[in-house]
Protein backbone atom coordinates (compact mmCIF):
# COMPACT_ATOMS: atom_id res chain seq x y z
CA MET A 1 93.40 97.23 85.65
CA ARG A 2 91.71 100.62 85.50
CA PRO A 3 92.47 103.14 88.26
CA SER A 4 88.74 103.29 89.01
CA GLN A 5 88.92 99.63 90.12
CA ILE A 6 91.33 100.51 92.93
CA SER A 7 89.69 101.10 96.30
CA LEU A 8 91.25 103.05 99.16
CA SER A 9 88.44 102.22 101.59
CA GLY A 10 90.10 99.12 103.05
CA ASP A 11 87.73 96.76 101.26
CA VAL A 12 89.11 93.93 99.13
CA PHE A 13 89.20 95.14 95.52
CA TYR A 14 91.04 92.21 93.94
CA ALA A 15 90.98 88.48 94.66
CA ASN A 16 92.51 85.58 92.78
CA GLU A 17 92.89 81.87 93.37
CA LEU A 18 96.47 80.70 93.97
CA ASN A 19 95.65 77.00 93.97
CA ASP A 20 92.75 74.70 94.77
CA ASN A 21 92.51 75.64 98.43
CA GLU A 22 94.02 79.11 98.73
CA LEU A 23 93.31 82.57 97.35
CA ILE A 24 94.82 86.01 97.75
CA GLU A 25 92.98 89.22 98.51
CA VAL A 26 94.30 92.75 97.92
CA TYR A 27 93.10 95.68 100.01
CA PHE A 28 94.28 99.15 101.08
CA ASP A 29 96.29 99.16 104.32
CA ASP A 30 97.40 102.64 105.37
CA SER A 31 100.11 101.21 107.66
CA LEU A 32 102.06 100.21 104.51
CA VAL A 33 102.20 103.73 103.08
CA ILE A 34 105.25 104.70 105.13
CA ASP A 35 107.21 101.81 103.55
CA GLY A 36 105.87 102.44 100.05
CA ALA A 37 109.17 103.63 98.57
CA TYR A 38 110.92 100.52 99.91
CA TYR A 39 108.44 98.19 98.20
CA TYR A 40 108.50 100.27 95.02
CA ASN A 41 112.31 100.01 94.91
CA GLN A 42 112.04 96.25 95.43
CA LEU A 43 109.69 96.06 92.45
CA LEU A 44 112.11 98.05 90.29
CA ALA A 45 115.00 95.86 91.42
CA SER A 46 113.10 92.75 90.33
CA TYR A 47 113.03 94.26 86.81
CA GLY A 48 116.76 95.05 86.92
CA TRP A 49 116.64 98.72 87.93
CA THR A 50 118.70 100.32 90.71
CA PRO A 51 117.65 103.56 92.43
CA THR A 52 120.40 106.16 92.87
CA THR A 53 120.64 109.30 94.94
CA GLY A 54 118.58 112.13 93.56
CA GLY A 55 115.62 109.93 92.66
CA GLU A 56 117.04 108.55 89.43
CA ILE A 57 117.07 104.89 88.48
CA VAL A 58 119.63 103.15 86.29
CA ALA A 59 119.66 99.78 84.57
CA SER A 60 121.36 97.75 81.92
CA GLN A 61 120.21 97.84 78.32
CA TYR A 62 118.37 94.55 78.89
CA SER A 63 116.15 95.79 81.71
CA THR A 64 112.50 96.64 81.21
CA LEU A 65 110.20 98.86 83.24
CA PRO A 66 107.23 97.30 85.02
CA SER A 67 103.95 97.86 83.21
CA ARG A 68 101.73 100.76 84.22
CA SER A 69 98.04 100.28 84.97
CA THR A 70 99.06 96.95 86.44
CA LEU A 71 98.73 95.43 89.90
CA HIS A 72 102.09 93.83 90.72
CA ILE A 73 101.65 91.22 93.44
CA SER A 74 104.39 89.90 95.71
CA VAL A 75 103.05 87.00 97.73
CA LYS A 76 106.47 86.61 99.36
CA ARG A 77 106.45 90.20 100.70
CA GLY A 78 102.70 90.27 101.38
CA VAL A 79 102.10 93.43 99.34
CA ALA A 80 100.77 94.54 96.00
CA ILE A 81 101.85 97.65 94.10
CA TYR A 82 99.61 99.36 91.59
CA LEU A 83 101.40 101.51 89.02
CA TYR A 84 99.03 104.26 87.94
CA PRO A 85 99.10 105.37 84.27
CA ASP A 86 100.51 108.79 85.28
CA GLY A 87 103.61 107.29 86.95
CA PHE A 88 102.50 107.32 90.58
CA TYR A 89 102.08 104.13 92.59
CA GLY A 90 100.01 102.78 95.46
CA ILE A 91 100.94 100.13 98.04
CA PHE A 92 98.34 97.62 99.17
CA GLY A 93 98.11 94.79 101.66
CA LEU A 94 97.86 91.18 100.60
CA ARG A 95 96.37 88.33 102.58
CA ARG A 96 96.23 84.65 101.83
CA VAL A 97 92.90 82.98 102.59
CA LYS A 98 92.33 79.25 102.81
CA SER A 99 89.20 78.17 100.99
CA GLU A 100 87.15 75.34 102.36
């Protein structure tokens, strides 16, 4: 996903069908920004990385880093994290919508 496709206006910028009667929508929610580091650390942990004091992260030799320029979606947590190509990240809200 290109950075230009990300919207910080609050409008839905990504939607995808989960199953026949439900879809997810991703949008900017500024109330999530304060917890951004928490969600980012959760993403890294899911790839086998552990944050340490001083801002470093450590992992085993079998761990991989999450892909950049990618929208990582956690339906369970209700958030999406976009990893920008330059190493920064953005936290976004996620809502599940029933389709009729």
